[in-house]
Structures are given as C-alpha cells and as structure tokens.
PDB file of N, CA and C in Angstrom:
ATOM      1  N   MET A   1      33.076  35.087 -27.328  1.00  0.00           N
ATOM      2  CA  MET A   1      32.433  33.897 -27.845  1.00  0.00           C
ATOM      3  C   MET A   1      31.299  34.272 -28.820  1.00  0.00           C
ATOM      4  N   LEU A   2      30.512  35.284 -28.457  1.00  0.00           N
ATOM      5  CA  LEU A   2      29.412  35.730 -29.305  1.00  0.00           C
ATOM      6  C   LEU A   2      29.934  36.249 -30.647  1.00  0.00           C
ATOM      7  N   PHE A   3      31.030  36.994 -30.594  1.00  0.00           N
ATOM      8  CA  PHE A   3      31.647  37.491 -31.823  1.00  0.00           C
ATOM      9  C   PHE A   3      32.059  36.323 -32.719  1.00  0.00           C
ATOM     10  N   THR A   4      32.684  35.315 -32.142  1.00  0.00           N
ATOM     11  CA  THR A   4      33.163  34.162 -32.908  1.00  0.00           C
ATOM     12  C   THR A   4      32.001  33.398 -33.529  1.00  0.00           C
ATOM     13  N   ILE A   5      30.933  33.218 -32.773  1.00  0.00           N
ATOM     14  CA  ILE A   5      29.757  32.535 -33.310  1.00  0.00           C
ATOM     15  C   ILE A   5      29.167  33.333 -34.471  1.00  0.00           C
ATOM     16  N   GLY A   6      29.050  34.647 -34.299  1.00  0.00           N
ATOM     17  CA  GLY A   6      28.524  35.500 -35.365  1.00  0.00           C
ATOM     18  C   GLY A   6      29.392  35.472 -36.609  1.00  0.00           C
ATOM     19  N   TRP A   7      30.685  35.574 -36.398  1.00  0.00           N
ATOM     20  CA  TRP A   7      31.617  35.545 -37.533  1.00  0.00           C
ATOM     21  C   TRP A   7      31.529  34.189 -38.240  1.00  0.00           C
ATOM     22  N   GLY A   8      31.486  33.129 -37.450  1.00  0.00           N
ATOM     23  CA  GLY A   8      31.385  31.785 -38.020  1.00  0.00           C
ATOM     24  C   GLY A   8      30.106  31.581 -38.806  1.00  0.00           C
ATOM     25  N   LEU A   9      28.998  32.107 -38.287  1.00  0.00           N
ATOM     26  CA  LEU A   9      27.725  32.007 -38.992  1.00  0.00           C
ATOM     27  C   LEU A   9      27.791  32.732 -40.332  1.00  0.00           C
ATOM     28  N   GLY A  10      28.405  33.910 -40.336  1.00  0.00           N
ATOM     29  CA  GLY A  10      28.549  34.652 -41.588  1.00  0.00           C
ATOM     30  C   GLY A  10      29.415  33.914 -42.601  1.00  0.00           C
ATOM     31  N   VAL A  11      30.507  33.333 -42.154  1.00  0.00           N
ATOM     32  CA  VAL A  11      31.394  32.567 -43.044  1.00  0.00           C
ATOM     33  C   VAL A  11      30.669  31.333 -43.574  1.00  0.00           C
ATOM     34  N   TRP A  12      29.942  30.661 -42.695  1.00  0.00           N
ATOM     35  CA  TRP A  12      29.179  29.478 -43.103  1.00  0.00           C
ATOM     36  C   TRP A  12      28.148  29.847 -44.173  1.00  0.00           C
ATOM     37  N   ALA A  13      27.438  30.944 -43.959  1.00  0.00           N
ATOM     38  CA  ALA A  13      26.431  31.397 -44.925  1.00  0.00           C
ATOM     39  C   ALA A  13      27.073  31.672 -46.287  1.00  0.00           C
ATOM     40  N   ARG A  14      28.214  32.351 -46.276  1.00  0.00           N
ATOM     41  CA  ARG A  14      28.891  32.653 -47.534  1.00  0.00           C
ATOM     42  C   ARG A  14      29.424  31.391 -48.206  1.00  0.00           C
ATOM     43  N   SER A  15      29.840  30.406 -47.416  1.00  0.00           N
ATOM     44  CA  SER A  15      30.433  29.201 -48.000  1.00  0.00           C
ATOM     45  C   SER A  15      29.406  28.291 -48.668  1.00  0.00           C
ATOM     46  N   VAL A  16      28.163  28.285 -48.186  1.00  0.00           N
ATOM     47  CA  VAL A  16      27.156  27.408 -48.796  1.00  0.00           C
ATOM     48  C   VAL A  16      26.327  28.112 -49.867  1.00  0.00           C
ATOM     49  N   ASN A  17      26.426  29.426 -49.959  1.00  0.00           N
ATOM     50  CA  ASN A  17      25.622  30.178 -50.912  1.00  0.00           C
ATOM     51  C   ASN A  17      26.516  30.857 -51.947  1.00  0.00           C
ATOM     52  N   PRO A  18      26.639  30.262 -53.129  1.00  0.00           N
ATOM     53  CA  PRO A  18      27.488  30.866 -54.158  1.00  0.00           C
ATOM     54  C   PRO A  18      26.944  32.197 -54.687  1.00  0.00           C
ATOM     55  N   PHE A  19      25.719  32.544 -54.314  1.00  0.00           N
ATOM     56  CA  PHE A  19      25.103  33.793 -54.763  1.00  0.00           C
ATOM     57  C   PHE A  19      25.132  34.875 -53.690  1.00  0.00           C
ATOM     58  N   PHE A  20      25.796  34.603 -52.562  1.00  0.00           N
ATOM     59  CA  PHE A  20      25.890  35.570 -51.464  1.00  0.00           C
ATOM     60  C   PHE A  20      26.545  36.839 -51.992  1.00  0.00           C
ATOM     61  N   SER A  21      25.910  37.968 -51.713  1.00  0.00           N
ATOM     62  CA  SER A  21      26.407  39.237 -52.233  1.00  0.00           C
ATOM     63  C   SER A  21      25.975  40.373 -51.319  1.00  0.00           C
ATOM     64  N   PRO A  22      26.825  41.377 -51.159  1.00  0.00           N
ATOM     65  CA  PRO A  22      26.421  42.539 -50.364  1.00  0.00           C
ATOM     66  C   PRO A  22      25.411  43.425 -51.100  1.00  0.00           C
ATOM     67  N   VAL A  23      25.202  43.147 -52.373  1.00  0.00           N
ATOM     68  CA  VAL A  23      24.268  43.919 -53.191  1.00  0.00           C
ATOM     69  C   VAL A  23      22.988  43.101 -53.365  1.00  0.00           C
ATOM     70  N   ILE A  24      21.861  43.699 -53.063  1.00  0.00           N
ATOM     71  CA  ILE A  24      20.584  42.998 -53.204  1.00  0.00           C
ATOM     72  C   ILE A  24      20.201  42.997 -54.678  1.00  0.00           C
ATOM     73  N   ARG A  25      20.294  41.811 -55.284  1.00  0.00           N
ATOM     74  CA  ARG A  25      19.920  41.671 -56.693  1.00  0.00           C
ATOM     75  C   ARG A  25      19.749  40.196 -57.022  1.00  0.00           C
ATOM     76  N   ILE A  26      19.012  39.904 -58.069  1.00  0.00           N
ATOM     77  CA  ILE A  26      18.872  38.547 -58.569  1.00  0.00           C
ATOM     78  C   ILE A  26      19.961  38.349 -59.614  1.00  0.00           C
ATOM     79  N   GLN A  27      20.720  37.286 -59.469  1.00  0.00           N
ATOM     80  CA  GLN A  27      21.844  37.020 -60.362  1.00  0.00           C
ATOM     81  C   GLN A  27      21.411  36.044 -61.460  1.00  0.00           C
ATOM     82  N   LYS A  28      20.550  36.520 -62.354  1.00  0.00           N
ATOM     83  CA  LYS A  28      20.021  35.675 -63.429  1.00  0.00           C
ATOM     84  C   LYS A  28      21.132  35.135 -64.317  1.00  0.00           C
ATOM     85  N   GLU A  29      22.148  35.957 -64.546  1.00  0.00           N
ATOM     86  CA  GLU A  29      23.257  35.543 -65.413  1.00  0.00           C
ATOM     87  C   GLU A  29      24.038  34.364 -64.836  1.00  0.00           C
ATOM     88  N   ARG A  30      23.901  34.131 -63.542  1.00  0.00           N
ATOM     89  CA  ARG A  30      24.603  33.023 -62.883  1.00  0.00           C
ATOM     90  C   ARG A  30      23.644  31.895 -62.507  1.00  0.00           C
ATOM     91  N   GLY A  31      22.385  32.015 -62.928  1.00  0.00           N
ATOM     92  CA  GLY A  31      21.411  30.970 -62.643  1.00  0.00           C
ATOM     93  C   GLY A  31      21.051  30.866 -61.169  1.00  0.00           C
ATOM     94  N   GLN A  32      20.875  32.004 -60.532  1.00  0.00           N
ATOM     95  CA  GLN A  32      20.581  32.004 -59.097  1.00  0.00           C
ATOM     96  C   GLN A  32      19.366  31.152 -58.790  1.00  0.00           C
ATOM     97  N   ARG A  33      19.487  30.395 -57.692  1.00  0.00           N
ATOM     98  CA  ARG A  33      18.408  29.559 -57.201  1.00  0.00           C
ATOM     99  C   ARG A  33      18.333  29.706 -55.689  1.00  0.00           C
ATOM    100  N   VAL A  34      17.274  29.212 -55.107  1.00  0.00           N
ATOM    101  CA  VAL A  34      17.093  29.273 -53.656  1.00  0.00           C
ATOM    102  C   VAL A  34      18.098  28.330 -53.000  1.00  0.00           C
ATOM    103  N   ILE A  35      18.786  28.818 -51.984  1.00  0.00           N
ATOM    104  CA  ILE A  35      19.687  27.998 -51.179  1.00  0.00           C
ATOM    105  C   ILE A  35      18.964  27.701 -49.870  1.00  0.00           C
ATOM    106  N   SER A  36      18.814  26.417 -49.556  1.00  0.00           N
ATOM    107  CA  SER A  36      18.080  26.048 -48.343  1.00  0.00           C
ATOM    108  C   SER A  36      18.884  25.105 -47.452  1.00  0.00           C
ATOM    109  N   GLU A  37      20.168  24.956 -47.745  1.00  0.00           N
ATOM    110  CA  GLU A  37      21.030  24.090 -46.951  1.00  0.00           C
ATOM    111  C   GLU A  37      21.796  24.901 -45.912  1.00  0.00           C
ATOM    112  N   GLY A  38      22.428  24.186 -45.003  1.00  0.00           N
ATOM    113  CA  GLY A  38      23.270  24.832 -43.999  1.00  0.00           C
ATOM    114  C   GLY A  38      22.460  25.789 -43.144  1.00  0.00           C
ATOM    115  N   PRO A  39      23.006  26.970 -42.882  1.00  0.00           N
ATOM    116  CA  PRO A  39      22.301  27.919 -42.011  1.00  0.00           C
ATOM    117  C   PRO A  39      21.003  28.436 -42.633  1.00  0.00           C
ATOM    118  N   TYR A  40      20.873  28.298 -43.954  1.00  0.00           N
ATOM    119  CA  TYR A  40      19.648  28.746 -44.626  1.00  0.00           C
ATOM    120  C   TYR A  40      18.465  27.829 -44.325  1.00  0.00           C
ATOM    121  N   ALA A  41      18.716  26.681 -43.708  1.00  0.00           N
ATOM    122  CA  ALA A  41      17.635  25.798 -43.263  1.00  0.00           C
ATOM    123  C   ALA A  41      17.064  26.275 -41.923  1.00  0.00           C
ATOM    124  N   ILE A  42      17.761  27.207 -41.273  1.00  0.00           N
ATOM    125  CA  ILE A  42      17.359  27.690 -39.949  1.00  0.00           C
ATOM    126  C   ILE A  42      16.745  29.087 -40.031  1.00  0.00           C
ATOM    127  N   VAL A  43      17.441  30.006 -40.717  1.00  0.00           N
ATOM    128  CA  VAL A  43      16.939  31.368 -40.930  1.00  0.00           C
ATOM    129  C   VAL A  43      17.186  31.752 -42.384  1.00  0.00           C
ATOM    130  N   ARG A  44      16.394  32.679 -42.893  1.00  0.00           N
ATOM    131  CA  ARG A  44      16.507  33.063 -44.305  1.00  0.00           C
ATOM    132  C   ARG A  44      17.670  34.006 -44.586  1.00  0.00           C
ATOM    133  N   HIS A  45      18.158  34.704 -43.570  1.00  0.00           N
ATOM    134  CA  HIS A  45      19.250  35.660 -43.773  1.00  0.00           C
ATOM    135  C   HIS A  45      20.364  35.429 -42.743  1.00  0.00           C
ATOM    136  N   PRO A  46      21.029  34.272 -42.812  1.00  0.00           N
ATOM    137  CA  PRO A  46      22.040  33.957 -41.795  1.00  0.00           C
ATOM    138  C   PRO A  46      23.271  34.857 -41.849  1.00  0.00           C
ATOM    139  N   GLY A  47      23.599  35.395 -42.998  1.00  0.00           N
ATOM    140  CA  GLY A  47      24.739  36.319 -43.082  1.00  0.00           C
ATOM    141  C   GLY A  47      24.484  37.571 -42.264  1.00  0.00           C
ATOM    142  N   TYR A  48      23.284  38.110 -42.366  1.00  0.00           N
ATOM    143  CA  TYR A  48      22.917  39.286 -41.584  1.00  0.00           C
ATOM    144  C   TYR A  48      22.869  38.945 -40.095  1.00  0.00           C
ATOM    145  N   ALA A  49      22.306  37.779 -39.777  1.00  0.00           N
ATOM    146  CA  ALA A  49      22.228  37.363 -38.371  1.00  0.00           C
ATOM    147  C   ALA A  49      23.629  37.246 -37.775  1.00  0.00           C
ATOM    148  N   GLY A  50      24.553  36.687 -38.541  1.00  0.00           N
ATOM    149  CA  GLY A  50      25.931  36.566 -38.076  1.00  0.00           C
ATOM    150  C   GLY A  50      26.580  37.918 -37.851  1.00  0.00           C
ATOM    151  N   PHE A  51      26.306  38.858 -38.742  1.00  0.00           N
ATOM    152  CA  PHE A  51      26.859  40.204 -38.588  1.00  0.00           C
ATOM    153  C   PHE A  51      26.382  40.844 -37.290  1.00  0.00           C
ATOM    154  N   VAL A  52      25.088  40.706 -37.000  1.00  0.00           N
ATOM    155  CA  VAL A  52      24.543  41.311 -35.777  1.00  0.00           C
ATOM    156  C   VAL A  52      25.164  40.663 -34.542  1.00  0.00           C
ATOM    157  N   LEU A  53      25.271  39.338 -34.535  1.00  0.00           N
ATOM    158  CA  LEU A  53      25.901  38.659 -33.400  1.00  0.00           C
ATOM    159  C   LEU A  53      27.342  39.121 -33.207  1.00  0.00           C
ATOM    160  N   ALA A  54      28.079  39.220 -34.301  1.00  0.00           N
ATOM    161  CA  ALA A  54      29.480  39.655 -34.214  1.00  0.00           C
ATOM    162  C   ALA A  54      29.569  41.093 -33.709  1.00  0.00           C
ATOM    163  N   ALA A  55      28.681  41.957 -34.157  1.00  0.00           N
ATOM    164  CA  ALA A  55      28.713  43.358 -33.729  1.00  0.00           C
ATOM    165  C   ALA A  55      28.389  43.485 -32.242  1.00  0.00           C
ATOM    166  N   VAL A  56      27.375  42.770 -31.781  1.00  0.00           N
ATOM    167  CA  VAL A  56      27.034  42.810 -30.359  1.00  0.00           C
ATOM    168  C   VAL A  56      28.162  42.187 -29.543  1.00  0.00           C
ATOM    169  N   GLY A  57      28.679  41.059 -29.998  1.00  0.00           N
ATOM    170  CA  GLY A  57      29.782  40.401 -29.299  1.00  0.00           C
ATOM    171  C   GLY A  57      31.020  41.262 -29.224  1.00  0.00           C
ATOM    172  N   SER A  58      31.251  42.036 -30.261  1.00  0.00           N
ATOM    173  CA  SER A  58      32.383  42.955 -30.282  1.00  0.00           C
ATOM    174  C   SER A  58      32.240  44.012 -29.192  1.00  0.00           C
ATOM    175  N   GLY A  59      31.056  44.590 -29.087  1.00  0.00           N
ATOM    176  CA  GLY A  59      30.807  45.600 -28.059  1.00  0.00           C
ATOM    177  C   GLY A  59      30.928  45.026 -26.660  1.00  0.00           C
ATOM    178  N   LEU A  60      30.385  43.832 -26.474  1.00  0.00           N
ATOM    179  CA  LEU A  60      30.487  43.190 -25.165  1.00  0.00           C
ATOM    180  C   LEU A  60      31.939  42.829 -24.843  1.00  0.00           C
ATOM    181  N   GLY A  61      32.658  42.357 -25.863  1.00  0.00           N
ATOM    182  CA  GLY A  61      34.059  42.004 -25.666  1.00  0.00           C
ATOM    183  C   GLY A  61      34.920  43.202 -25.305  1.00  0.00           C
ATOM    184  N   LEU A  62      34.556  44.350 -25.819  1.00  0.00           N
ATOM    185  CA  LEU A  62      35.266  45.595 -25.488  1.00  0.00           C
ATOM    186  C   LEU A  62      34.765  46.194 -24.179  1.00  0.00           C
ATOM    187  N   ASN A  63      33.719  45.562 -23.608  1.00  0.00           N
ATOM    188  CA  ASN A  63      33.115  46.037 -22.371  1.00  0.00           C
ATOM    189  C   ASN A  63      32.672  47.501 -22.510  1.00  0.00           C
ATOM    190  N   SER A  64      32.018  47.771 -23.649  1.00  0.00           N
ATOM    191  CA  SER A  64      31.634  49.142 -23.956  1.00  0.00           C
ATOM    192  C   SER A  64      30.191  49.210 -24.419  1.00  0.00           C
ATOM    193  N   LEU A  65      29.370  49.905 -23.659  1.00  0.00           N
ATOM    194  CA  LEU A  65      27.999  50.117 -24.091  1.00  0.00           C
ATOM    195  C   LEU A  65      27.950  50.979 -25.347  1.00  0.00           C
ATOM    196  N   LEU A  66      28.895  51.899 -25.479  1.00  0.00           N
ATOM    197  CA  LEU A  66      28.935  52.739 -26.686  1.00  0.00           C
ATOM    198  C   LEU A  66      29.176  51.911 -27.936  1.00  0.00           C
ATOM    199  N   ALA A  67      29.927  50.827 -27.817  1.00  0.00           N
ATOM    200  CA  ALA A  67      30.192  49.979 -28.978  1.00  0.00           C
ATOM    201  C   ALA A  67      28.958  49.159 -29.359  1.00  0.00           C
ATOM    202  N   ILE A  68      28.030  48.997 -28.442  1.00  0.00           N
ATOM    203  CA  ILE A  68      26.812  48.238 -28.743  1.00  0.00           C
ATOM    204  C   ILE A  68      25.804  49.099 -29.507  1.00  0.00           C
ATOM    205  N   ILE A  69      25.884  50.414 -29.362  1.00  0.00           N
ATOM    206  CA  ILE A  69      24.954  51.313 -30.053  1.00  0.00           C
ATOM    207  C   ILE A  69      24.964  51.095 -31.565  1.00  0.00           C
ATOM    208  N   PRO A  70      26.138  51.012 -32.230  1.00  0.00           N
ATOM    209  CA  PRO A  70      26.113  50.732 -33.673  1.00  0.00           C
ATOM    210  C   PRO A  70      25.484  49.381 -34.005  1.00  0.00           C
ATOM    211  N   ALA A  71      25.636  48.405 -33.114  1.00  0.00           N
ATOM    212  CA  ALA A  71      25.025  47.096 -33.349  1.00  0.00           C
ATOM    213  C   ALA A  71      23.506  47.199 -33.323  1.00  0.00           C
ATOM    214  N   VAL A  72      22.974  47.974 -32.411  1.00  0.00           N
ATOM    215  CA  VAL A  72      21.522  48.159 -32.324  1.00  0.00           C
ATOM    216  C   VAL A  72      21.019  48.909 -33.559  1.00  0.00           C
ATOM    217  N   ILE A  73      21.756  49.911 -33.985  1.00  0.00           N
ATOM    218  CA  ILE A  73      21.391  50.650 -35.201  1.00  0.00           C
ATOM    219  C   ILE A  73      21.452  49.730 -36.412  1.00  0.00           C
ATOM    220  N   SER A  74      22.486  48.895 -36.477  1.00  0.00           N
ATOM    221  CA  SER A  74      22.620  47.938 -37.578  1.00  0.00           C
ATOM    222  C   SER A  74      21.454  46.954 -37.585  1.00  0.00           C
ATOM    223  N   LEU A  75      21.054  46.488 -36.418  1.00  0.00           N
ATOM    224  CA  LEU A  75      19.931  45.561 -36.339  1.00  0.00           C
ATOM    225  C   LEU A  75      18.660  46.219 -36.881  1.00  0.00           C
ATOM    226  N   ALA A  76      18.415  47.451 -36.492  1.00  0.00           N
ATOM    227  CA  ALA A  76      17.239  48.168 -36.999  1.00  0.00           C
ATOM    228  C   ALA A  76      17.302  48.309 -38.520  1.00  0.00           C
ATOM    229  N   ASN A  77      18.474  48.609 -39.034  1.00  0.00           N
ATOM    230  CA  ASN A  77      18.667  48.723 -40.476  1.00  0.00           C
ATOM    231  C   ASN A  77      18.442  47.376 -41.165  1.00  0.00           C
ATOM    232  N   LEU A  78      18.955  46.307 -40.566  1.00  0.00           N
ATOM    233  CA  LEU A  78      18.814  44.985 -41.167  1.00  0.00           C
ATOM    234  C   LEU A  78      17.366  44.505 -41.174  1.00  0.00           C
ATOM    235  N   VAL A  79      16.594  44.907 -40.201  1.00  0.00           N
ATOM    236  CA  VAL A  79      15.170  44.572 -40.194  1.00  0.00           C
ATOM    237  C   VAL A  79      14.517  45.151 -41.449  1.00  0.00           C
ATOM    238  N   SER A  80      14.840  46.384 -41.755  1.00  0.00           N
ATOM    239  CA  SER A  80      14.312  47.028 -42.959  1.00  0.00           C
ATOM    240  C   SER A  80      14.834  46.349 -44.227  1.00  0.00           C
ATOM    241  N   ILE A  81      16.127  46.102 -44.261  1.00  0.00           N
ATOM    242  CA  ILE A  81      16.744  45.493 -45.449  1.00  0.00           C
ATOM    243  C   ILE A  81      16.168  44.108 -45.718  1.00  0.00           C
ATOM    244  N   THR A  82      16.007  43.289 -44.671  1.00  0.00           N
ATOM    245  CA  THR A  82      15.479  41.942 -44.898  1.00  0.00           C
ATOM    246  C   THR A  82      14.043  41.988 -45.422  1.00  0.00           C
ATOM    247  N   GLY A  83      13.275  42.975 -45.006  1.00  0.00           N
ATOM    248  CA  GLY A  83      11.918  43.127 -45.538  1.00  0.00           C
ATOM    249  C   GLY A  83      11.936  43.420 -47.021  1.00  0.00           C
ATOM    250  N   ILE A  84      12.793  44.343 -47.415  1.00  0.00           N
ATOM    251  CA  ILE A  84      12.921  44.701 -48.841  1.00  0.00           C
ATOM    252  C   ILE A  84      13.438  43.518 -49.640  1.00  0.00           C
ATOM    253  N   GLU A  85      14.481  42.863 -49.112  1.00  0.00           N
ATOM    254  CA  GLU A  85      15.083  41.739 -49.821  1.00  0.00           C
ATOM    255  C   GLU A  85      14.101  40.572 -49.934  1.00  0.00           C
ATOM    256  N   ASP A  86      13.396  40.264 -48.848  1.00  0.00           N
ATOM    257  CA  ASP A  86      12.423  39.180 -48.897  1.00  0.00           C
ATOM    258  C   ASP A  86      11.359  39.434 -49.964  1.00  0.00           C
ATOM    259  N   GLN A  87      10.848  40.654 -50.038  1.00  0.00           N
ATOM    260  CA  GLN A  87       9.823  40.959 -51.031  1.00  0.00           C
ATOM    261  C   GLN A  87      10.373  40.805 -52.446  1.00  0.00           C
ATOM    262  N   MET A  88      11.580  41.301 -52.676  1.00  0.00           N
ATOM    263  CA  MET A  88      12.182  41.171 -54.000  1.00  0.00           C
ATOM    264  C   MET A  88      12.381  39.697 -54.358  1.00  0.00           C
ATOM    265  N   LEU A  89      12.869  38.901 -53.408  1.00  0.00           N
ATOM    266  CA  LEU A  89      13.101  37.479 -53.678  1.00  0.00           C
ATOM    267  C   LEU A  89      11.778  36.755 -53.935  1.00  0.00           C
ATOM    268  N   ARG A  90      10.736  37.088 -53.188  1.00  0.00           N
ATOM    269  CA  ARG A  90       9.419  36.479 -53.429  1.00  0.00           C
ATOM    270  C   ARG A  90       8.915  36.811 -54.840  1.00  0.00           C
ATOM    271  N   ASP A  91       9.124  38.052 -55.255  1.00  0.00           N
ATOM    272  CA  ASP A  91       8.631  38.505 -56.555  1.00  0.00           C
ATOM    273  C   ASP A  91       9.453  37.984 -57.730  1.00  0.00           C
ATOM    274  N   GLU A  92      10.766  37.819 -57.540  1.00  0.00           N
ATOM    275  CA  GLU A  92      11.641  37.582 -58.684  1.00  0.00           C
ATOM    276  C   GLU A  92      12.395  36.255 -58.701  1.00  0.00           C
ATOM    277  N   LEU A  93      12.441  35.532 -57.572  1.00  0.00           N
ATOM    278  CA  LEU A  93      13.212  34.288 -57.528  1.00  0.00           C
ATOM    279  C   LEU A  93      12.274  33.101 -57.367  1.00  0.00           C
ATOM    280  N   GLY A  94      12.189  32.277 -58.407  1.00  0.00           N
ATOM    281  CA  GLY A  94      11.323  31.110 -58.363  1.00  0.00           C
ATOM    282  C   GLY A  94      11.648  30.200 -57.183  1.00  0.00           C
ATOM    283  N   GLY A  95      10.610  29.785 -56.468  1.00  0.00           N
ATOM    284  CA  GLY A  95      10.766  28.874 -55.347  1.00  0.00           C
ATOM    285  C   GLY A  95      10.991  29.546 -54.005  1.00  0.00           C
ATOM    286  N   TYR A  96      11.219  30.869 -54.012  1.00  0.00           N
ATOM    287  CA  TYR A  96      11.505  31.542 -52.746  1.00  0.00           C
ATOM    288  C   TYR A  96      10.285  31.581 -51.831  1.00  0.00           C
ATOM    289  N   ALA A  97       9.111  31.763 -52.379  1.00  0.00           N
ATOM    290  CA  ALA A  97       7.901  31.823 -51.543  1.00  0.00           C
ATOM    291  C   ALA A  97       7.699  30.493 -50.815  1.00  0.00           C
ATOM    292  N   ASP A  98       7.944  29.375 -51.501  1.00  0.00           N
ATOM    293  CA  ASP A  98       7.827  28.067 -50.858  1.00  0.00           C
ATOM    294  C   ASP A  98       8.891  27.902 -49.777  1.00  0.00           C
ATOM    295  N   TYR A  99      10.099  28.350 -50.073  1.00  0.00           N
ATOM    296  CA  TYR A  99      11.192  28.296 -49.095  1.00  0.00           C
ATOM    297  C   TYR A  99      10.838  29.132 -47.867  1.00  0.00           C
ATOM    298  N   ALA A 100      10.316  30.323 -48.070  1.00  0.00           N
ATOM    299  CA  ALA A 100       9.956  31.212 -46.955  1.00  0.00           C
ATOM    300  C   ALA A 100       8.830  30.612 -46.114  1.00  0.00           C
ATOM    301  N   ALA A 101       7.959  29.833 -46.732  1.00  0.00           N
ATOM    302  CA  ALA A 101       6.896  29.175 -45.977  1.00  0.00           C
ATOM    303  C   ALA A 101       7.471  28.078 -45.077  1.00  0.00           C
ATOM    304  N   LYS A 102       8.555  27.443 -45.524  1.00  0.00           N
ATOM    305  CA  LYS A 102       9.199  26.382 -44.732  1.00  0.00           C
ATOM    306  C   LYS A 102      10.121  26.963 -43.666  1.00  0.00           C
ATOM    307  N   VAL A 103      10.921  27.960 -44.047  1.00  0.00           N
ATOM    308  CA  VAL A 103      11.858  28.607 -43.124  1.00  0.00           C
ATOM    309  C   VAL A 103      11.231  29.945 -42.767  1.00  0.00           C
ATOM    310  N   ARG A 104      10.490  29.961 -41.678  1.00  0.00           N
ATOM    311  CA  ARG A 104       9.653  31.117 -41.347  1.00  0.00           C
ATOM    312  C   ARG A 104      10.420  32.308 -40.801  1.00  0.00           C
ATOM    313  N   TYR A 105      11.594  32.092 -40.236  1.00  0.00           N
ATOM    314  CA  TYR A 105      12.276  33.173 -39.524  1.00  0.00           C
ATOM    315  C   TYR A 105      13.356  33.825 -40.387  1.00  0.00           C
ATOM    316  N   ARG A 106      13.390  35.149 -40.340  1.00  0.00           N
ATOM    317  CA  ARG A 106      14.375  35.894 -41.125  1.00  0.00           C
ATOM    318  C   ARG A 106      15.754  35.927 -40.468  1.00  0.00           C
ATOM    319  N   LEU A 107      15.796  36.311 -39.190  1.00  0.00           N
ATOM    320  CA  LEU A 107      17.095  36.504 -38.524  1.00  0.00           C
ATOM    321  C   LEU A 107      17.268  35.701 -37.241  1.00  0.00           C
ATOM    322  N   ILE A 108      16.210  35.560 -36.449  1.00  0.00           N
ATOM    323  CA  ILE A 108      16.324  34.947 -35.132  1.00  0.00           C
ATOM    324  C   ILE A 108      15.402  33.732 -35.059  1.00  0.00           C
ATOM    325  N   PRO A 109      15.981  32.524 -35.003  1.00  0.00           N
ATOM    326  CA  PRO A 109      15.145  31.317 -34.972  1.00  0.00           C
ATOM    327  C   PRO A 109      14.138  31.350 -33.818  1.00  0.00           C
ATOM    328  N   GLY A 110      12.899  31.018 -34.146  1.00  0.00           N
ATOM    329  CA  GLY A 110      11.850  30.964 -33.142  1.00  0.00           C
ATOM    330  C   GLY A 110      11.252  32.301 -32.754  1.00  0.00           C
ATOM    331  N   ILE A 111      11.844  33.392 -33.230  1.00  0.00           N
ATOM    332  CA  ILE A 111      11.369  34.734 -32.844  1.00  0.00           C
ATOM    333  C   ILE A 111      10.958  35.550 -34.064  1.00  0.00           C
ATOM    334  N   TRP A 112      11.902  35.786 -34.984  1.00  0.00           N
ATOM    335  CA  TRP A 112      11.621  36.631 -36.153  1.00  0.00           C
ATOM    336  C   TRP A 112      12.520  36.292 -37.308  1.00  0.00           C
TER     337      TRP A 112
END
C-alpha cells in the first residue's frame, strides 16, 4: 500500500507540473513558473516524497530490512538535493520565495 501511495504521489506530481524534470534547472525557454496546485499545495517536492514512500514500501513489501537501507540512503540524499534545489529556485524563479513561505514543508507535511 505504501509503495502504491508513493508511486501515485510521484505520478500526480509529474501530471500537474509540466516542468517536472530529473535535472535541477530553470527552464526559461519553456517559461517555467511556480506550480502550487495538486500535491505542490501540500509539500514543495512531492515527486521526491513519492519516491521515498515507494522505496520504503518496496522494502517493506519484500519483507527485507536490507531493501530499506537504499531507501534511507536515498532519503538522506534527497534532503541534500531539496536544500540545493530550494536555494536555486529561490534565487532564480520568480515567486518561489512567496510559494515557499506558504508551503513550508519540503517533503513531509507537518514535519519537514
């Protein structure tokens, strides 16, 4: 169930954000703007949050603690990545600072 929720969150994030990309960059040529609808109204990085949920759910579904280790490593990596990405978006994407003030959490609603 956790895997399905995570996968669904990632798909939802990609479906509402035409600028969703695995590469951290501002897409000026495509007129990138802040997306604040759908899952982006809850957390600023719902695609990453979905990935972590799916990875943890995968390990639990396999009933393997060893499979959860990559999920924990991925979470630590994503904490770093979201910090870098947030700073770049604040510096280079108009309206992102206001959006970040409204949507305070990066990955986990109510926590972080």
